[in-house]
Amino acid sequence: MLSTRPDTRLVIRPKVGHSDREMQKPADTVAWTVPPAKHALARGDYSFLQREIDELLKVFRINLDPKSASYRELGLAMLLSGVCPT
């Protein structure tokens, strides 16, 4: 069903691959998440990813003290992999 609202655009999906919007959405996300992550990495501030770290540990059922050196290493490794993917 087509919308009759003037502010709605009809998105034509290509037969193969992603639409323009599907390609733009991840680029927009990267544009606003990478700069703060770079600043956090420069400061060694892994608290930027605290929720993601805790969720990852929960998924894999790993009990790691947030004050431990291993938690810090994990946080910095996750931050580095997000900022400088190889």
C-alpha atoms as a PDB file:
ATOM      1  CA  MET A   1       0.000   0.000   0.000  1.00  0.00           C
ATOM      2  CA  LEU A   2       1.369   3.399  -0.934  1.00  0.00           C
ATOM      3  CA  SER A   3       1.239   6.260   1.510  1.00  0.00           C
ATOM      4  CA  THR A   4      -0.556   9.449   0.497  1.00  0.00           C
ATOM      5  CA  ARG A   5       1.370  11.559   3.014  1.00  0.00           C
ATOM      6  CA  PRO A   6       3.512  14.168   1.241  1.00  0.00           C
ATOM      7  CA  ASP A   7       6.487  13.689   3.613  1.00  0.00           C
ATOM      8  CA  THR A   8       6.811  10.006   2.814  1.00  0.00           C
ATOM      9  CA  ARG A   9       9.077   8.882   0.009  1.00  0.00           C
ATOM     10  CA  LEU A  10       8.634   5.709  -1.925  1.00  0.00           C
ATOM     11  CA  VAL A  11      11.782   3.629  -1.501  1.00  0.00           C
ATOM     12  CA  ILE A  12      12.501   1.491  -4.505  1.00  0.00           C
ATOM     13  CA  ARG A  13      14.437  -1.553  -3.417  1.00  0.00           C
ATOM     14  CA  PRO A  14      17.042  -2.828  -5.862  1.00  0.00           C
ATOM     15  CA  LYS A  15      16.693  -6.376  -7.123  1.00  0.00           C
ATOM     16  CA  VAL A  16      20.124  -7.224  -5.758  1.00  0.00           C
ATOM     17  CA  GLY A  17      22.002  -5.610  -2.893  1.00  0.00           C
ATOM     18  CA  HIS A  18      21.032  -2.837  -0.510  1.00  0.00           C
ATOM     19  CA  SER A  19      19.001   0.300  -1.062  1.00  0.00           C
ATOM     20  CA  ASP A  20      20.637   3.722  -0.733  1.00  0.00           C
ATOM     21  CA  ARG A  21      19.121   4.106   2.730  1.00  0.00           C
ATOM     22  CA  GLU A  22      20.444   0.728   3.858  1.00  0.00           C
ATOM     23  CA  MET A  23      23.910   1.830   2.797  1.00  0.00           C
ATOM     24  CA  GLN A  24      23.660   5.296   4.360  1.00  0.00           C
ATOM     25  CA  LYS A  25      22.365   4.203   7.765  1.00  0.00           C
ATOM     26  CA  PRO A  26      25.575   2.445   8.946  1.00  0.00           C
ATOM     27  CA  ALA A  27      27.674   5.326   7.612  1.00  0.00           C
ATOM     28  CA  ASP A  28      25.592   7.782   9.655  1.00  0.00           C
ATOM     29  CA  THR A  29      26.042   5.664  12.774  1.00  0.00           C
ATOM     30  CA  VAL A  30      29.802   5.500  12.302  1.00  0.00           C
ATOM     31  CA  ALA A  31      29.973   9.242  11.726  1.00  0.00           C
ATOM     32  CA  TRP A  32      28.649  10.051  15.199  1.00  0.00           C
ATOM     33  CA  THR A  33      30.103   7.138  17.204  1.00  0.00           C
ATOM     34  CA  VAL A  34      33.717   6.943  16.040  1.00  0.00           C
ATOM     35  CA  PRO A  35      34.911  10.462  17.032  1.00  0.00           C
ATOM     36  CA  PRO A  36      33.926  10.088  20.712  1.00  0.00           C
ATOM     37  CA  ALA A  37      35.397   6.571  20.700  1.00  0.00           C
ATOM     38  CA  LYS A  38      38.696   7.941  19.370  1.00  0.00           C
ATOM     39  CA  HIS A  39      38.796  10.492  22.196  1.00  0.00           C
ATOM     40  CA  ALA A  40      38.009   7.773  24.735  1.00  0.00           C
ATOM     41  CA  LEU A  41      40.775   5.573  23.315  1.00  0.00           C
ATOM     42  CA  ALA A  42      43.271   8.438  23.457  1.00  0.00           C
ATOM     43  CA  ARG A  43      42.446   8.862  27.152  1.00  0.00           C
ATOM     44  CA  GLY A  44      42.355   5.111  27.810  1.00  0.00           C
ATOM     45  CA  ASP A  45      38.754   5.541  28.961  1.00  0.00           C
ATOM     46  CA  TYR A  46      37.051   2.214  28.334  1.00  0.00           C
ATOM     47  CA  SER A  47      33.989   3.290  30.356  1.00  0.00           C
ATOM     48  CA  PHE A  48      32.716   4.570  26.994  1.00  0.00           C
ATOM     49  CA  LEU A  49      31.836   0.916  26.273  1.00  0.00           C
ATOM     50  CA  GLN A  50      30.826  -0.153  29.774  1.00  0.00           C
ATOM     51  CA  ARG A  51      27.368  -1.423  28.780  1.00  0.00           C
ATOM     52  CA  GLU A  52      28.728  -3.308  25.760  1.00  0.00           C
ATOM     53  CA  ILE A  53      31.489  -4.902  27.848  1.00  0.00           C
ATOM     54  CA  ASP A  54      29.035  -5.991  30.538  1.00  0.00           C
ATOM     55  CA  GLU A  55      26.625  -7.391  27.940  1.00  0.00           C
ATOM     56  CA  LEU A  56      29.413  -9.335  26.250  1.00  0.00           C
ATOM     57  CA  LEU A  57      30.535 -10.818  29.558  1.00  0.00           C
ATOM     58  CA  LYS A  58      26.934 -11.720  30.390  1.00  0.00           C
ATOM     59  CA  VAL A  59      26.349 -13.434  27.018  1.00  0.00           C
ATOM     60  CA  PHE A  60      29.444 -15.595  27.445  1.00  0.00           C
ATOM     61  CA  ARG A  61      28.767 -16.118  31.162  1.00  0.00           C
ATOM     62  CA  ILE A  62      32.083 -14.680  32.218  1.00  0.00           C
ATOM     63  CA  ASN A  63      32.382 -13.281  35.728  1.00  0.00           C
ATOM     64  CA  LEU A  64      35.032 -10.569  35.589  1.00  0.00           C
ATOM     65  CA  ASP A  65      35.596  -7.944  38.250  1.00  0.00           C
ATOM     66  CA  PRO A  66      35.193  -4.467  36.701  1.00  0.00           C
ATOM     67  CA  LYS A  67      38.166  -3.294  38.773  1.00  0.00           C
ATOM     68  CA  SER A  68      40.491  -6.012  37.465  1.00  0.00           C
ATOM     69  CA  ALA A  69      43.318  -5.591  34.967  1.00  0.00           C
ATOM     70  CA  SER A  70      41.643  -8.130  32.668  1.00  0.00           C
ATOM     71  CA  TYR A  71      38.477  -6.034  32.498  1.00  0.00           C
ATOM     72  CA  ARG A  72      40.588  -2.999  31.584  1.00  0.00           C
ATOM     73  CA  GLU A  73      42.420  -4.973  28.887  1.00  0.00           C
ATOM     74  CA  LEU A  74      39.119  -6.200  27.452  1.00  0.00           C
ATOM     75  CA  GLY A  75      37.682  -2.679  27.449  1.00  0.00           C
ATOM     76  CA  LEU A  76      40.698  -1.198  25.697  1.00  0.00           C
ATOM     77  CA  ALA A  77      40.798  -4.061  23.159  1.00  0.00           C
ATOM     78  CA  MET A  78      37.110  -3.542  22.343  1.00  0.00           C
ATOM     79  CA  LEU A  79      37.610   0.207  22.057  1.00  0.00           C
ATOM     80  CA  LEU A  80      40.632  -0.267  19.790  1.00  0.00           C
ATOM     81  CA  SER A  81      38.829  -2.756  17.556  1.00  0.00           C
ATOM     82  CA  GLY A  82      35.914  -0.356  17.131  1.00  0.00           C
ATOM     83  CA  VAL A  83      38.071   2.651  16.325  1.00  0.00           C
ATOM     84  CA  CYS A  84      40.755   0.928  14.241  1.00  0.00           C
ATOM     85  CA  PRO A  85      39.186  -2.119  12.587  1.00  0.00           C
ATOM     86  CA  THR A  86      41.685  -4.261  10.711  1.00  0.00           C
END
